[in-house]
Amino acid sequence: MSTLYVTHPVCLDHESPPGHPERPDRLRAVWRALDEPRFAALDRREGSAADPALALLAHDERYCEILPTLIPPEGRIAQIDADTYLSAHSWPALLHAMGSAVQAVEAVMQGEVKNAFCATRPPGHHAERARAMGFCLFNHVAVAARQAQRKQGAERVAIVDFDVHHGNGTQDIFWSDASVLYASSHQWPLYPGTGAASETGEHDNIVNLPLASGTGPQVFRVAFESVILPRVDAFNPDLIVISAGFDAHRRDPLASLDLGEEEFGWATRRLLEIAERRCAGRVVSVLEGGYDLAGLSASAAAHVEALMEA
């Protein structure tokens, strides 16, 4: 079976102010990388827009009601928090990003493809149950995990997040949910200020791996292998979802880890090994951060190449 690659051009239409790091060129950089001949075998599909009601799987009803009312008129941008914005076309982009993650989970769980990567924006892992923040509006991996449980027979889902920023939103949503393991490696201290190793969830279902500024490949691999991988393996998931942020790359302007694209390929392969043992190889990956275009492009290519090798 092939690797599914889901994206949609409407995700370019979500706008932020000039100079904002979360910009449409990020998606274009991923597209260019995955248009190379070595990725010709990808199963390419346009993402579908989600029913907005699916956001209720992870978010509070009042928040889901308010968010679309904040969409500004054509030509204007609305500020939601210090660095999170909505533009006139953000709503369809957001629904396609959420819908792509759900579509990928359905295809993987139904055995149509072996694994999947969703190249969409805006990202999602900072979006909490009732708050947008950190460029994020809805938490796509959280919605996809809950949909896998609700509709696709997955009882236990492991979410692994190697974005350089801690996924406070995903942690918030699953803090009290023993059926979901959330494991994150991230620079510490750094935005958003959460992610200490002592934050373990109500059911010991949260695993945080803080990494010091300047952490390089060898220390990262040893730490990831000793802290995160054993917990994912022991959780015995029916599905692994990856919050695939590539801003831990040494080129990224928003952080200061010293990883290369090779580390993302390595981490992906190690997670795929667990998935092969525990859940018939079922892995769905969703793009999160990555703000240097060259680093993002190379890292996404290394990640997807690993998925295709599975």
Protein backbone atom coordinates (compact mmCIF):
# COMPACT_ATOMS: atom_id res chain seq x y z
CA MET A 1 0.00 0.00 0.00
CA SER A 2 1.02 3.58 -0.55
CA THR A 3 1.52 6.66 1.61
CA LEU A 4 -1.35 9.13 1.41
CA TYR A 5 -0.51 12.81 0.91
CA VAL A 6 -3.41 15.16 1.64
CA THR A 7 -3.41 18.91 1.02
CA HIS A 8 -5.62 21.65 -0.45
CA PRO A 9 -4.86 25.01 -2.11
CA VAL A 10 -7.48 26.80 0.02
CA CYS A 11 -5.04 26.48 2.92
CA LEU A 12 -2.98 29.19 1.24
CA ASP A 13 -5.82 31.66 1.78
CA HIS A 14 -5.45 31.89 5.56
CA GLU A 15 -3.58 35.16 6.00
CA SER A 16 -1.58 36.80 8.76
CA PRO A 17 0.00 40.27 8.81
CA PRO A 18 3.09 40.91 6.63
CA GLY A 19 6.22 39.43 8.19
CA HIS A 20 4.31 36.90 10.29
CA PRO A 21 6.18 33.55 10.41
CA GLU A 22 3.05 31.43 9.82
CA ARG A 23 2.63 32.37 6.16
CA PRO A 24 1.37 30.70 2.96
CA ASP A 25 4.93 30.24 1.68
CA ARG A 26 5.36 27.53 4.31
CA LEU A 27 2.87 25.34 2.50
CA ARG A 28 4.37 26.15 -0.89
CA ALA A 29 7.78 25.02 0.42
CA VAL A 30 6.35 21.64 1.42
CA TRP A 31 4.58 21.28 -1.93
CA ARG A 32 7.81 21.96 -3.83
CA ALA A 33 9.67 19.36 -1.81
CA LEU A 34 7.03 16.69 -2.33
CA ASP A 35 6.78 17.41 -6.05
CA GLU A 36 10.27 15.97 -6.56
CA PRO A 37 10.39 12.76 -8.65
CA ARG A 38 11.29 10.59 -5.64
CA PHE A 39 7.80 11.28 -4.27
CA ALA A 40 5.94 10.26 -7.42
CA ALA A 41 4.48 7.18 -5.72
CA LEU A 42 2.52 9.20 -3.14
CA ASP A 43 -1.25 8.78 -3.21
CA ARG A 44 -2.17 12.45 -3.69
CA ARG A 45 -5.63 13.62 -2.67
CA GLU A 46 -7.26 16.97 -2.05
CA GLY A 47 -8.47 17.33 1.49
CA SER A 48 -12.19 17.65 2.18
CA ALA A 49 -13.72 20.36 4.32
CA ALA A 50 -14.81 19.07 7.71
CA ASP A 51 -18.26 19.53 9.13
CA PRO A 52 -17.67 22.33 11.68
CA ALA A 53 -19.48 20.21 14.27
CA LEU A 54 -16.46 17.87 14.33
CA ALA A 55 -14.56 20.53 16.27
CA LEU A 56 -16.83 19.70 19.22
CA LEU A 57 -14.92 16.44 19.59
CA ALA A 58 -12.04 18.45 21.05
CA HIS A 59 -13.32 21.96 21.78
CA ASP A 60 -15.93 23.61 23.99
CA GLU A 61 -19.28 24.41 22.39
CA ARG A 62 -19.12 28.12 23.21
CA TYR A 63 -15.67 28.45 21.64
CA CYS A 64 -16.86 26.68 18.48
CA GLU A 65 -19.80 29.07 18.25
CA ILE A 66 -17.74 32.22 18.72
CA LEU A 67 -14.78 31.50 16.44
CA PRO A 68 -16.56 31.81 13.05
CA THR A 69 -18.18 35.07 14.15
CA LEU A 70 -14.71 36.60 14.44
CA ILE A 71 -13.94 36.18 10.72
CA PRO A 72 -13.30 39.71 9.38
CA PRO A 73 -14.57 41.15 6.08
CA GLU A 74 -12.56 40.92 2.85
CA GLY A 75 -9.26 42.75 3.01
CA ARG A 76 -9.01 42.86 6.79
CA ILE A 77 -7.25 40.73 9.41
CA ALA A 78 -8.57 40.15 12.93
CA GLN A 79 -6.21 39.58 15.84
CA ILE A 80 -7.26 36.77 18.20
CA ASP A 81 -4.33 36.89 20.60
CA ALA A 82 -0.78 38.25 20.60
CA ASP A 83 0.26 36.24 17.53
CA THR A 84 -2.88 34.48 16.21
CA TYR A 85 -4.98 35.97 13.42
CA LEU A 86 -8.04 35.38 11.26
CA SER A 87 -8.56 36.65 7.73
CA ALA A 88 -11.58 36.67 5.44
CA HIS A 89 -10.75 33.22 4.05
CA SER A 90 -9.45 31.56 7.21
CA TRP A 91 -12.64 29.59 7.85
CA PRO A 92 -12.50 27.39 4.71
CA ALA A 93 -8.75 26.92 5.22
CA LEU A 94 -9.36 25.85 8.81
CA LEU A 95 -12.14 23.42 7.88
CA HIS A 96 -10.00 21.87 5.14
CA ALA A 97 -7.08 21.48 7.54
CA MET A 98 -9.29 19.73 10.08
CA GLY A 99 -11.05 17.73 7.38
CA SER A 100 -7.76 16.57 5.87
CA ALA A 101 -6.65 15.10 9.18
CA VAL A 102 -9.96 13.28 9.61
CA GLN A 103 -9.86 12.08 5.99
CA ALA A 104 -6.34 10.71 6.49
CA VAL A 105 -7.34 8.87 9.66
CA GLU A 106 -10.29 7.28 7.89
CA ALA A 107 -8.14 6.12 4.96
CA VAL A 108 -5.48 4.65 7.23
CA MET A 109 -7.89 2.97 9.63
CA GLN A 110 -9.88 1.46 6.76
CA GLY A 111 -6.73 0.03 5.18
CA GLU A 112 -6.85 2.10 1.98
CA VAL A 113 -3.28 3.32 2.57
CA LYS A 114 -0.50 2.32 4.96
CA ASN A 115 0.09 5.77 6.45
CA ALA A 116 -0.56 9.44 5.67
CA PHE A 117 0.85 12.98 5.78
CA CYS A 118 -1.36 16.09 5.80
CA ALA A 119 0.24 19.30 4.50
CA THR A 120 -2.21 21.95 5.66
CA ARG A 121 -2.37 25.20 7.60
CA PRO A 122 -3.15 26.83 9.96
CA PRO A 123 -1.45 24.48 12.45
CA GLY A 124 -3.31 23.21 15.49
CA HIS A 125 -1.39 21.87 18.48
CA HIS A 126 -1.52 25.08 20.57
CA ALA A 127 -5.33 25.33 20.31
CA GLU A 128 -6.79 24.44 23.70
CA ARG A 129 -10.34 23.34 24.43
CA ALA A 130 -11.61 26.90 24.67
CA ARG A 131 -8.79 29.11 23.39
CA ALA A 132 -6.96 29.89 20.16
CA MET A 133 -3.27 30.67 20.55
CA GLY A 134 0.16 30.24 19.00
CA PHE A 135 -1.06 30.55 15.36
CA CYS A 136 -3.60 27.74 16.06
CA LEU A 137 -7.42 27.83 15.94
CA PHE A 138 -8.69 24.24 16.01
CA ASN A 139 -6.60 21.29 17.18
CA HIS A 140 -6.58 19.02 14.14
CA VAL A 141 -4.72 16.07 15.65
CA ALA A 142 -7.05 16.05 18.66
CA VAL A 143 -10.15 16.05 16.46
CA ALA A 144 -8.66 13.32 14.25
CA ALA A 145 -7.78 11.15 17.25
CA ARG A 146 -11.26 11.46 18.71
CA GLN A 147 -12.84 10.72 15.32
CA ALA A 148 -10.67 7.60 15.03
CA GLN A 149 -12.07 6.47 18.36
CA ARG A 150 -15.65 7.44 17.60
CA LYS A 151 -15.95 6.10 14.05
CA GLN A 152 -12.96 3.91 13.18
CA GLY A 153 -12.68 1.52 16.12
CA ALA A 154 -9.47 2.86 17.62
CA GLU A 155 -9.66 2.43 21.38
CA ARG A 156 -6.20 3.81 22.22
CA VAL A 157 -4.47 6.57 20.27
CA ALA A 158 -0.91 7.81 20.82
CA ILE A 159 -0.12 11.36 19.72
CA VAL A 160 3.60 12.12 19.33
CA ASP A 161 4.62 15.75 18.91
CA PHE A 162 8.19 16.66 17.89
CA ASP A 163 7.46 20.32 17.16
CA VAL A 164 10.00 22.53 18.96
CA HIS A 165 7.15 24.17 20.91
CA HIS A 166 5.16 22.18 23.43
CA GLY A 167 1.65 21.32 22.26
CA ASN A 168 -0.15 22.82 25.22
CA GLY A 169 -3.48 22.54 23.43
CA THR A 170 -3.22 18.81 22.85
CA GLN A 171 -2.10 18.32 26.44
CA ASP A 172 -5.04 20.40 27.69
CA ILE A 173 -7.57 18.43 25.66
CA PHE A 174 -6.34 14.98 26.72
CA TRP A 175 -5.13 15.72 30.26
CA SER A 176 -7.90 13.60 31.80
CA ASP A 177 -8.32 11.05 28.99
CA ALA A 178 -6.66 7.71 29.73
CA SER A 179 -7.43 6.46 26.21
CA VAL A 180 -4.99 8.93 24.60
CA LEU A 181 -1.26 9.16 25.23
CA TYR A 182 0.30 12.53 24.43
CA ALA A 183 4.10 12.53 24.16
CA SER A 184 6.06 15.67 23.28
CA SER A 185 9.71 16.56 22.77
CA HIS A 186 10.30 20.33 22.79
CA GLN A 187 12.74 23.06 23.68
CA TRP A 188 12.50 24.19 27.31
CA PRO A 189 12.08 26.92 28.36
CA LEU A 190 10.26 28.34 25.34
CA TYR A 191 6.78 29.40 24.27
CA PRO A 192 4.13 28.54 25.46
CA GLY A 193 5.73 27.87 28.85
CA THR A 194 4.14 24.46 29.42
CA GLY A 195 5.68 21.03 28.99
CA ALA A 196 7.69 20.38 32.14
CA ALA A 197 8.54 16.73 32.75
CA SER A 198 6.39 16.90 35.89
CA GLU A 199 3.23 17.48 33.81
CA THR A 200 1.98 13.91 33.46
CA GLY A 201 -1.83 14.07 33.22
CA GLU A 202 -4.48 12.61 35.47
CA HIS A 203 -3.78 9.07 34.28
CA ASP A 204 -0.02 9.32 33.65
CA ASN A 205 -0.95 9.68 29.98
CA ILE A 206 1.18 12.78 29.30
CA VAL A 207 4.89 12.39 28.55
CA ASN A 208 6.97 15.56 28.25
CA LEU A 209 10.58 15.58 27.13
CA PRO A 210 12.05 19.08 27.64
CA LEU A 211 15.25 19.76 25.69
CA ALA A 212 17.76 22.50 26.47
CA SER A 213 18.61 25.21 23.96
CA GLY A 214 21.35 23.96 21.66
CA THR A 215 20.46 20.27 21.98
CA GLY A 216 21.99 18.44 19.04
CA PRO A 217 21.31 15.20 17.19
CA GLN A 218 23.00 12.72 19.52
CA VAL A 219 21.38 13.99 22.71
CA PHE A 220 18.01 14.27 20.97
CA ARG A 221 18.12 10.70 19.70
CA VAL A 222 19.16 9.23 23.03
CA ALA A 223 16.48 11.20 24.88
CA PHE A 224 13.73 10.41 22.37
CA GLU A 225 14.67 6.74 22.42
CA SER A 226 14.83 6.47 26.19
CA VAL A 227 11.81 8.61 27.17
CA ILE A 228 9.20 8.80 24.41
CA LEU A 229 9.54 5.60 22.40
CA PRO A 230 9.19 3.16 25.34
CA ARG A 231 6.05 4.92 26.55
CA VAL A 232 4.45 4.83 23.09
CA ASP A 233 5.34 1.17 22.72
CA ALA A 234 3.99 0.24 26.17
CA PHE A 235 0.75 2.13 25.50
CA ASN A 236 -0.03 -0.39 22.75
CA PRO A 237 -1.93 2.10 20.55
CA ASP A 238 -4.37 1.27 17.79
CA LEU A 239 -3.17 4.36 15.89
CA ILE A 240 -0.22 6.75 16.13
CA VAL A 241 -0.81 10.38 15.18
CA ILE A 242 2.21 12.65 14.69
CA SER A 243 2.16 16.40 15.26
CA ALA A 244 4.89 16.99 12.70
CA GLY A 245 6.45 20.34 13.47
CA PHE A 246 9.84 20.92 11.88
CA ASP A 247 10.90 24.02 13.80
CA ALA A 248 13.41 22.04 15.87
CA HIS A 249 15.61 22.32 12.76
CA ARG A 250 18.78 24.30 13.40
CA ARG A 251 17.82 26.87 10.75
CA ASP A 252 14.51 27.82 12.36
CA PRO A 253 14.24 31.44 13.53
CA LEU A 254 11.80 30.82 16.40
CA ALA A 255 13.87 28.40 18.48
CA SER A 256 17.41 27.20 19.09
CA LEU A 257 17.68 23.43 18.92
CA ASP A 258 20.44 22.09 16.69
CA LEU A 259 18.72 19.31 14.77
CA GLY A 260 18.99 18.53 11.07
CA GLU A 261 16.39 17.06 8.77
CA GLU A 262 17.94 13.62 9.37
CA GLU A 263 16.58 13.60 12.92
CA PHE A 264 13.01 13.93 11.68
CA GLY A 265 13.52 11.00 9.34
CA TRP A 266 15.04 8.96 12.17
CA ALA A 267 12.24 9.76 14.64
CA THR A 268 9.64 8.89 12.01
CA ARG A 269 11.26 5.51 11.31
CA ARG A 270 11.40 4.66 14.99
CA LEU A 271 7.71 5.49 15.42
CA LEU A 272 6.89 3.42 12.35
CA GLU A 273 8.69 0.45 13.91
CA ILE A 274 6.41 0.69 16.94
CA ALA A 275 3.36 1.13 14.72
CA GLU A 276 4.28 -2.01 12.79
CA ARG A 277 4.46 -4.01 16.02
CA ARG A 278 1.43 -2.52 17.73
CA CYS A 279 -1.12 -1.28 15.21
CA ALA A 280 -0.49 -2.73 11.74
CA GLY A 281 1.65 0.28 10.79
CA ARG A 282 -1.16 2.81 11.16
CA VAL A 283 0.38 6.32 11.34
CA VAL A 284 -1.15 9.67 10.42
CA SER A 285 1.05 12.78 10.39
CA VAL A 286 -0.18 16.38 10.40
CA LEU A 287 1.98 19.42 9.68
CA GLU A 288 2.48 21.80 12.59
CA GLY A 289 5.37 24.32 12.77
CA GLY A 290 8.51 25.03 10.76
CA TYR A 291 9.30 28.61 9.80
CA ASP A 292 12.57 28.54 7.87
CA LEU A 293 11.51 27.53 4.39
CA ALA A 294 14.67 25.60 3.50
CA GLY A 295 14.67 23.75 6.82
CA LEU A 296 10.95 23.04 6.54
CA SER A 297 11.26 21.75 3.00
CA ALA A 298 14.17 19.42 3.74
CA SER A 299 12.61 18.16 6.98
CA ALA A 300 9.20 17.45 5.46
CA ALA A 301 10.93 15.56 2.65
CA ALA A 302 12.91 13.44 5.13
CA HIS A 303 9.76 12.74 7.13
CA VAL A 304 7.64 11.71 4.14
CA GLU A 305 10.47 9.66 2.66
CA ALA A 306 10.52 7.66 5.90
CA LEU A 307 6.75 7.16 5.73
CA MET A 308 7.06 5.86 2.16
CA GLU A 309 9.73 3.34 3.17
CA ALA A 310 7.49 1.67 5.73
